[in-house]
Amino acid sequence: MCRNIRPLSNFEPPATDDEVQAAALQYVRKISGTTKPSLANREAFDRAVAEVAAASTRLLDALVTTAPPKDREIEAAKARQRAALRYGT
């Protein structure tokens, strides 16, 4: 998985539209191999981002879990701790 795309399911509060849009943009950038499409490809690129975001929102809305919702601050602290161990900072 692309490191910039973070899990968005089972958080309280739920993922925002901006978070879903950012994840969709990162996904489309990754599979297209470009961060900024040419003018000729801009419409297809933007349409793909919108479609991935819509599919992601439907998926997140449909997922069911019995696990308690995760706290964003706690998950961020865990990520910082993993990074410190990985990079020795």
N, C-alpha and C. Protein backbone atom coordinates (compact mmCIF):
# COMPACT_ATOMS: atom_id res chain seq x y z
N MET A 1 0.85 -1.18 0.00
CA MET A 1 0.00 0.00 0.00
C MET A 1 0.88 1.24 0.00
N CYS A 2 0.44 2.23 -0.68
CA CYS A 2 1.15 3.50 -0.70
C CYS A 2 1.18 4.06 0.73
N ARG A 3 2.34 4.49 1.17
CA ARG A 3 2.46 4.97 2.55
C ARG A 3 1.63 6.21 2.84
N ASN A 4 1.32 6.98 1.80
CA ASN A 4 0.56 8.21 2.01
C ASN A 4 -0.93 7.97 2.16
N ILE A 5 -1.39 6.78 1.80
CA ILE A 5 -2.80 6.48 1.94
C ILE A 5 -3.01 5.78 3.27
N ARG A 6 -3.75 6.43 4.16
CA ARG A 6 -3.97 5.88 5.49
C ARG A 6 -5.33 5.21 5.58
N PRO A 7 -5.42 4.21 6.45
CA PRO A 7 -6.74 3.60 6.66
C PRO A 7 -7.73 4.67 7.14
N LEU A 8 -8.95 4.59 6.64
CA LEU A 8 -9.97 5.59 6.99
C LEU A 8 -11.19 4.98 7.67
N SER A 9 -11.21 3.67 7.81
CA SER A 9 -12.40 3.04 8.38
C SER A 9 -12.32 2.95 9.90
N ASN A 10 -13.49 2.95 10.50
CA ASN A 10 -13.66 2.75 11.94
C ASN A 10 -12.97 3.82 12.78
N PHE A 11 -13.15 5.08 12.41
CA PHE A 11 -12.64 6.19 13.21
C PHE A 11 -13.82 6.97 13.76
N GLU A 12 -13.61 7.58 14.88
CA GLU A 12 -14.60 8.47 15.48
C GLU A 12 -13.94 9.81 15.67
N PRO A 13 -14.33 10.87 15.01
CA PRO A 13 -15.41 10.94 14.04
C PRO A 13 -15.02 10.26 12.74
N PRO A 14 -16.00 9.92 11.91
CA PRO A 14 -15.72 9.23 10.65
C PRO A 14 -14.83 10.07 9.72
N ALA A 15 -14.26 9.41 8.73
CA ALA A 15 -13.41 10.09 7.75
C ALA A 15 -14.18 11.22 7.08
N THR A 16 -13.51 12.32 6.86
CA THR A 16 -14.14 13.46 6.20
C THR A 16 -14.06 13.30 4.68
N ASP A 17 -14.84 14.08 3.98
CA ASP A 17 -14.78 14.08 2.52
C ASP A 17 -13.39 14.47 2.03
N ASP A 18 -12.75 15.39 2.75
CA ASP A 18 -11.39 15.81 2.37
C ASP A 18 -10.40 14.66 2.50
N GLU A 19 -10.52 13.86 3.55
CA GLU A 19 -9.62 12.72 3.73
C GLU A 19 -9.84 11.68 2.64
N VAL A 20 -11.09 11.43 2.30
CA VAL A 20 -11.39 10.46 1.25
C VAL A 20 -10.87 10.99 -0.08
N GLN A 21 -11.07 12.27 -0.35
CA GLN A 21 -10.59 12.88 -1.60
C GLN A 21 -9.06 12.80 -1.68
N ALA A 22 -8.37 13.08 -0.58
CA ALA A 22 -6.90 13.02 -0.57
C ALA A 22 -6.41 11.60 -0.84
N ALA A 23 -7.07 10.61 -0.24
CA ALA A 23 -6.68 9.22 -0.47
C ALA A 23 -6.92 8.83 -1.94
N ALA A 24 -8.03 9.28 -2.49
CA ALA A 24 -8.34 8.98 -3.89
C ALA A 24 -7.31 9.62 -4.82
N LEU A 25 -6.93 10.85 -4.53
CA LEU A 25 -5.92 11.53 -5.33
C LEU A 25 -4.59 10.79 -5.27
N GLN A 26 -4.18 10.37 -4.08
CA GLN A 26 -2.92 9.63 -3.94
C GLN A 26 -2.98 8.32 -4.71
N TYR A 27 -4.11 7.64 -4.65
CA TYR A 27 -4.26 6.37 -5.36
C TYR A 27 -4.14 6.57 -6.87
N VAL A 28 -4.84 7.55 -7.40
CA VAL A 28 -4.80 7.81 -8.83
C VAL A 28 -3.41 8.27 -9.26
N ARG A 29 -2.76 9.07 -8.46
CA ARG A 29 -1.38 9.47 -8.75
C ARG A 29 -0.47 8.25 -8.82
N LYS A 30 -0.65 7.35 -7.87
CA LYS A 30 0.20 6.16 -7.81
C LYS A 30 0.01 5.28 -9.04
N ILE A 31 -1.23 4.98 -9.39
CA ILE A 31 -1.44 4.05 -10.50
C ILE A 31 -1.20 4.69 -11.86
N SER A 32 -1.34 6.03 -11.95
CA SER A 32 -1.10 6.69 -13.22
C SER A 32 0.38 7.01 -13.41
N GLY A 33 1.12 7.02 -12.32
CA GLY A 33 2.55 7.32 -12.41
C GLY A 33 2.86 8.79 -12.56
N THR A 34 1.91 9.64 -12.25
CA THR A 34 2.14 11.07 -12.38
C THR A 34 1.46 11.82 -11.24
N THR A 35 2.09 12.90 -10.81
CA THR A 35 1.46 13.72 -9.78
C THR A 35 0.70 14.88 -10.40
N LYS A 36 1.08 15.23 -11.64
CA LYS A 36 0.40 16.31 -12.34
C LYS A 36 0.20 15.88 -13.78
N PRO A 37 -1.03 15.54 -14.15
CA PRO A 37 -1.26 15.06 -15.52
C PRO A 37 -1.13 16.19 -16.54
N SER A 38 -0.86 15.81 -17.77
CA SER A 38 -0.82 16.79 -18.85
C SER A 38 -2.23 17.33 -19.09
N LEU A 39 -2.32 18.41 -19.80
CA LEU A 39 -3.63 18.98 -20.12
C LEU A 39 -4.49 17.99 -20.88
N ALA A 40 -3.86 17.17 -21.72
CA ALA A 40 -4.61 16.18 -22.50
C ALA A 40 -5.23 15.11 -21.61
N ASN A 41 -4.61 14.85 -20.47
CA ASN A 41 -5.09 13.79 -19.56
C ASN A 41 -5.81 14.32 -18.33
N ARG A 42 -5.90 15.63 -18.20
CA ARG A 42 -6.45 16.23 -16.98
C ARG A 42 -7.89 15.79 -16.70
N GLU A 43 -8.73 15.78 -17.71
CA GLU A 43 -10.13 15.42 -17.51
C GLU A 43 -10.26 13.97 -17.05
N ALA A 44 -9.52 13.07 -17.68
CA ALA A 44 -9.56 11.65 -17.29
C ALA A 44 -9.03 11.47 -15.88
N PHE A 45 -7.97 12.19 -15.54
CA PHE A 45 -7.37 12.12 -14.21
C PHE A 45 -8.37 12.59 -13.16
N ASP A 46 -8.96 13.75 -13.38
CA ASP A 46 -9.92 14.31 -12.42
C ASP A 46 -11.16 13.41 -12.27
N ARG A 47 -11.62 12.85 -13.39
CA ARG A 47 -12.77 11.95 -13.35
C ARG A 47 -12.42 10.69 -12.54
N ALA A 48 -11.21 10.17 -12.72
CA ALA A 48 -10.79 8.99 -11.97
C ALA A 48 -10.73 9.29 -10.48
N VAL A 49 -10.22 10.44 -10.10
CA VAL A 49 -10.17 10.82 -8.68
C VAL A 49 -11.58 10.88 -8.10
N ALA A 50 -12.51 11.50 -8.83
CA ALA A 50 -13.89 11.61 -8.35
C ALA A 50 -14.54 10.23 -8.22
N GLU A 51 -14.30 9.35 -9.19
CA GLU A 51 -14.90 8.01 -9.14
C GLU A 51 -14.31 7.18 -8.00
N VAL A 52 -13.00 7.27 -7.79
CA VAL A 52 -12.37 6.53 -6.69
C VAL A 52 -12.87 7.06 -5.35
N ALA A 53 -13.01 8.37 -5.24
CA ALA A 53 -13.52 8.97 -4.00
C ALA A 53 -14.94 8.50 -3.73
N ALA A 54 -15.78 8.47 -4.75
CA ALA A 54 -17.17 8.04 -4.57
C ALA A 54 -17.22 6.57 -4.17
N ALA A 55 -16.43 5.73 -4.83
CA ALA A 55 -16.40 4.31 -4.48
C ALA A 55 -15.87 4.11 -3.06
N SER A 56 -14.89 4.90 -2.67
CA SER A 56 -14.33 4.80 -1.32
C SER A 56 -15.36 5.19 -0.27
N THR A 57 -16.11 6.24 -0.54
CA THR A 57 -17.15 6.68 0.39
C THR A 57 -18.22 5.60 0.54
N ARG A 58 -18.63 5.00 -0.58
CA ARG A 58 -19.63 3.92 -0.50
C ARG A 58 -19.08 2.74 0.31
N LEU A 59 -17.82 2.40 0.09
CA LEU A 59 -17.21 1.31 0.85
C LEU A 59 -17.17 1.62 2.33
N LEU A 60 -16.70 2.79 2.70
CA LEU A 60 -16.61 3.16 4.11
C LEU A 60 -17.99 3.17 4.77
N ASP A 61 -19.00 3.61 4.04
CA ASP A 61 -20.36 3.64 4.57
C ASP A 61 -20.92 2.23 4.77
N ALA A 62 -20.47 1.29 3.96
CA ALA A 62 -21.01 -0.07 4.01
C ALA A 62 -20.28 -0.99 4.98
N LEU A 63 -19.07 -0.64 5.37
CA LEU A 63 -18.30 -1.52 6.25
C LEU A 63 -18.94 -1.62 7.63
N VAL A 64 -18.91 -2.82 8.18
CA VAL A 64 -19.46 -3.09 9.51
C VAL A 64 -18.36 -3.73 10.35
N THR A 65 -18.25 -3.32 11.59
CA THR A 65 -17.25 -3.90 12.48
C THR A 65 -17.78 -3.94 13.91
N THR A 66 -17.27 -4.89 14.67
CA THR A 66 -17.63 -4.95 16.08
C THR A 66 -16.54 -4.33 16.95
N ALA A 67 -15.43 -3.93 16.32
CA ALA A 67 -14.33 -3.30 17.06
C ALA A 67 -14.74 -1.88 17.46
N PRO A 68 -14.25 -1.43 18.59
CA PRO A 68 -14.56 -0.05 18.98
C PRO A 68 -13.88 0.93 18.03
N PRO A 69 -14.46 2.10 17.81
CA PRO A 69 -13.85 3.08 16.92
C PRO A 69 -12.47 3.50 17.42
N LYS A 70 -11.58 3.76 16.45
CA LYS A 70 -10.22 4.19 16.78
C LYS A 70 -10.21 5.71 17.00
N ASP A 71 -9.29 6.12 17.85
CA ASP A 71 -9.10 7.54 18.14
C ASP A 71 -7.96 8.06 17.26
N ARG A 72 -8.19 9.16 16.55
CA ARG A 72 -7.19 9.68 15.63
C ARG A 72 -5.89 10.08 16.33
N GLU A 73 -5.99 10.67 17.49
CA GLU A 73 -4.79 11.10 18.21
C GLU A 73 -3.95 9.90 18.66
N ILE A 74 -4.59 8.87 19.15
CA ILE A 74 -3.87 7.67 19.58
C ILE A 74 -3.21 7.00 18.39
N GLU A 75 -3.91 6.90 17.27
CA GLU A 75 -3.34 6.28 16.06
C GLU A 75 -2.17 7.11 15.54
N ALA A 76 -2.26 8.43 15.61
CA ALA A 76 -1.16 9.29 15.17
C ALA A 76 0.06 9.11 16.06
N ALA A 77 -0.17 8.98 17.36
CA ALA A 77 0.94 8.76 18.29
C ALA A 77 1.62 7.42 18.01
N LYS A 78 0.83 6.40 17.72
CA LYS A 78 1.40 5.09 17.38
C LYS A 78 2.25 5.19 16.11
N ALA A 79 1.77 5.94 15.13
CA ALA A 79 2.51 6.10 13.87
C ALA A 79 3.82 6.83 14.11
N ARG A 80 3.80 7.86 14.95
CA ARG A 80 5.03 8.58 15.27
C ARG A 80 6.02 7.67 15.98
N GLN A 81 5.51 6.82 16.88
CA GLN A 81 6.39 5.89 17.59
C GLN A 81 7.00 4.87 16.62
N ARG A 82 6.22 4.36 15.69
CA ARG A 82 6.75 3.42 14.69
C ARG A 82 7.82 4.10 13.83
N ALA A 83 7.57 5.35 13.45
CA ALA A 83 8.53 6.09 12.63
C ALA A 83 9.82 6.31 13.40
N ALA A 84 9.71 6.64 14.68
CA ALA A 84 10.91 6.86 15.49
C ALA A 84 11.74 5.58 15.58
N LEU A 85 11.09 4.45 15.74
CA LEU A 85 11.82 3.18 15.79
C LEU A 85 12.45 2.86 14.43
N ARG A 86 11.71 3.11 13.37
CA ARG A 86 12.19 2.81 12.03
C ARG A 86 13.36 3.68 11.63
N TYR A 87 13.27 4.98 11.92
CA TYR A 87 14.27 5.91 11.44
C TYR A 87 15.25 6.35 12.52
N GLY A 88 15.09 5.85 13.73
CA GLY A 88 16.03 6.13 14.80
C GLY A 88 16.07 7.58 15.24
N THR A 89 14.90 8.23 15.23
CA THR A 89 14.88 9.64 15.64
C THR A 89 14.36 9.80 17.05
